[in-house]
Amino acid sequence: MDDLIRTKILTFLQWNDKNEYYNDELYDLEEVQKLSLEESIKYFLQ
């Protein structure tokens, strides 16, 4: 279930961000650590 929620959040963020930085492939290419669901929620509630 967490994967489905994460995918939905990423889809929205990619749609909302003209640079589409919220994309797993870009994170992998740049060797950036991915946020967990909890970290993502915490980030957006700040």
N, C-alpha and C. Protein backbone atom coordinates (compact mmCIF):
# COMPACT_ATOMS: atom_id res chain seq x y z
N MET A 1 0.82 -1.19 0.00
CA MET A 1 0.00 0.00 0.00
C MET A 1 0.87 1.25 0.00
N ASP A 2 1.95 1.25 0.74
CA ASP A 2 2.83 2.42 0.77
C ASP A 2 3.39 2.74 -0.61
N ASP A 3 3.68 1.71 -1.41
CA ASP A 3 4.19 1.94 -2.76
C ASP A 3 3.15 2.64 -3.62
N LEU A 4 1.90 2.28 -3.48
CA LEU A 4 0.83 2.91 -4.25
C LEU A 4 0.68 4.38 -3.84
N ILE A 5 0.70 4.65 -2.57
CA ILE A 5 0.59 6.03 -2.08
C ILE A 5 1.80 6.83 -2.55
N ARG A 6 2.99 6.26 -2.44
CA ARG A 6 4.21 6.95 -2.88
C ARG A 6 4.14 7.26 -4.37
N THR A 7 3.66 6.31 -5.16
CA THR A 7 3.54 6.52 -6.60
C THR A 7 2.56 7.65 -6.89
N LYS A 8 1.45 7.70 -6.19
CA LYS A 8 0.47 8.77 -6.39
C LYS A 8 1.05 10.12 -6.02
N ILE A 9 1.78 10.18 -4.93
CA ILE A 9 2.41 11.44 -4.51
C ILE A 9 3.44 11.87 -5.54
N LEU A 10 4.27 10.95 -6.00
CA LEU A 10 5.28 11.28 -7.01
C LEU A 10 4.64 11.74 -8.32
N THR A 11 3.57 11.09 -8.70
CA THR A 11 2.87 11.48 -9.93
C THR A 11 2.36 12.91 -9.82
N PHE A 12 1.77 13.24 -8.69
CA PHE A 12 1.29 14.61 -8.48
C PHE A 12 2.46 15.60 -8.49
N LEU A 13 3.53 15.28 -7.80
CA LEU A 13 4.66 16.20 -7.72
C LEU A 13 5.30 16.41 -9.08
N GLN A 14 5.41 15.36 -9.87
CA GLN A 14 5.96 15.50 -11.23
C GLN A 14 5.05 16.38 -12.08
N TRP A 15 3.76 16.20 -11.94
CA TRP A 15 2.81 17.01 -12.69
C TRP A 15 2.90 18.48 -12.26
N ASN A 16 3.10 18.70 -10.96
CA ASN A 16 3.10 20.04 -10.39
C ASN A 16 4.44 20.75 -10.57
N ASP A 17 5.50 20.03 -10.86
CA ASP A 17 6.85 20.60 -10.97
C ASP A 17 7.30 20.57 -12.42
N LYS A 18 7.48 21.73 -13.01
CA LYS A 18 7.84 21.79 -14.43
C LYS A 18 9.16 21.09 -14.73
N ASN A 19 10.04 20.98 -13.73
CA ASN A 19 11.32 20.31 -13.93
C ASN A 19 11.23 18.80 -13.73
N GLU A 20 10.11 18.33 -13.22
CA GLU A 20 9.88 16.91 -12.94
C GLU A 20 11.00 16.29 -12.13
N TYR A 21 11.47 17.01 -11.15
CA TYR A 21 12.57 16.50 -10.34
C TYR A 21 12.14 15.35 -9.43
N TYR A 22 10.87 15.23 -9.17
CA TYR A 22 10.38 14.17 -8.29
C TYR A 22 10.20 12.89 -9.09
N ASN A 23 11.30 12.38 -9.56
CA ASN A 23 11.30 11.24 -10.46
C ASN A 23 12.39 10.28 -9.98
N ASP A 24 12.04 9.03 -9.75
CA ASP A 24 13.01 8.06 -9.23
C ASP A 24 14.24 7.92 -10.10
N GLU A 25 14.07 7.98 -11.42
CA GLU A 25 15.20 7.83 -12.32
C GLU A 25 16.21 8.96 -12.12
N LEU A 26 15.72 10.18 -11.94
CA LEU A 26 16.64 11.30 -11.71
C LEU A 26 17.36 11.16 -10.37
N TYR A 27 16.65 10.71 -9.36
CA TYR A 27 17.28 10.49 -8.07
C TYR A 27 18.38 9.44 -8.19
N ASP A 28 18.10 8.37 -8.92
CA ASP A 28 19.09 7.31 -9.10
C ASP A 28 20.31 7.82 -9.87
N LEU A 29 20.08 8.58 -10.91
CA LEU A 29 21.19 9.12 -11.71
C LEU A 29 22.07 10.06 -10.90
N GLU A 30 21.45 10.85 -10.05
CA GLU A 30 22.20 11.82 -9.26
C GLU A 30 22.61 11.28 -7.90
N GLU A 31 22.28 10.01 -7.65
CA GLU A 31 22.62 9.33 -6.40
C GLU A 31 22.12 10.09 -5.18
N VAL A 32 20.88 10.55 -5.28
CA VAL A 32 20.23 11.26 -4.18
C VAL A 32 19.40 10.24 -3.40
N GLN A 33 19.46 10.32 -2.08
CA GLN A 33 18.68 9.40 -1.26
C GLN A 33 17.20 9.75 -1.38
N LYS A 34 16.38 8.75 -1.58
CA LYS A 34 14.94 8.96 -1.72
C LYS A 34 14.32 9.17 -0.35
N LEU A 35 13.30 10.02 -0.32
CA LEU A 35 12.58 10.25 0.92
C LEU A 35 11.59 9.12 1.16
N SER A 36 11.42 8.78 2.41
CA SER A 36 10.38 7.82 2.76
C SER A 36 9.03 8.55 2.75
N LEU A 37 7.96 7.81 2.84
CA LEU A 37 6.64 8.42 2.89
C LEU A 37 6.54 9.36 4.08
N GLU A 38 7.02 8.92 5.23
CA GLU A 38 6.95 9.75 6.43
C GLU A 38 7.77 11.03 6.27
N GLU A 39 8.96 10.92 5.69
CA GLU A 39 9.80 12.09 5.47
C GLU A 39 9.14 13.06 4.49
N SER A 40 8.50 12.52 3.48
CA SER A 40 7.83 13.36 2.48
C SER A 40 6.68 14.14 3.11
N ILE A 41 5.89 13.46 3.90
CA ILE A 41 4.76 14.12 4.57
C ILE A 41 5.27 15.19 5.51
N LYS A 42 6.28 14.87 6.29
CA LYS A 42 6.87 15.84 7.22
C LYS A 42 7.39 17.07 6.48
N TYR A 43 8.04 16.84 5.33
CA TYR A 43 8.58 17.93 4.52
C TYR A 43 7.48 18.88 4.05
N PHE A 44 6.38 18.32 3.58
CA PHE A 44 5.31 19.16 3.03
C PHE A 44 4.44 19.80 4.10
N LEU A 45 4.52 19.32 5.31
CA LEU A 45 3.74 19.92 6.39
C LEU A 45 4.48 21.05 7.10
N GLN A 46 5.71 21.27 6.72
CA GLN A 46 6.51 22.33 7.36
C GLN A 46 6.00 23.69 6.96
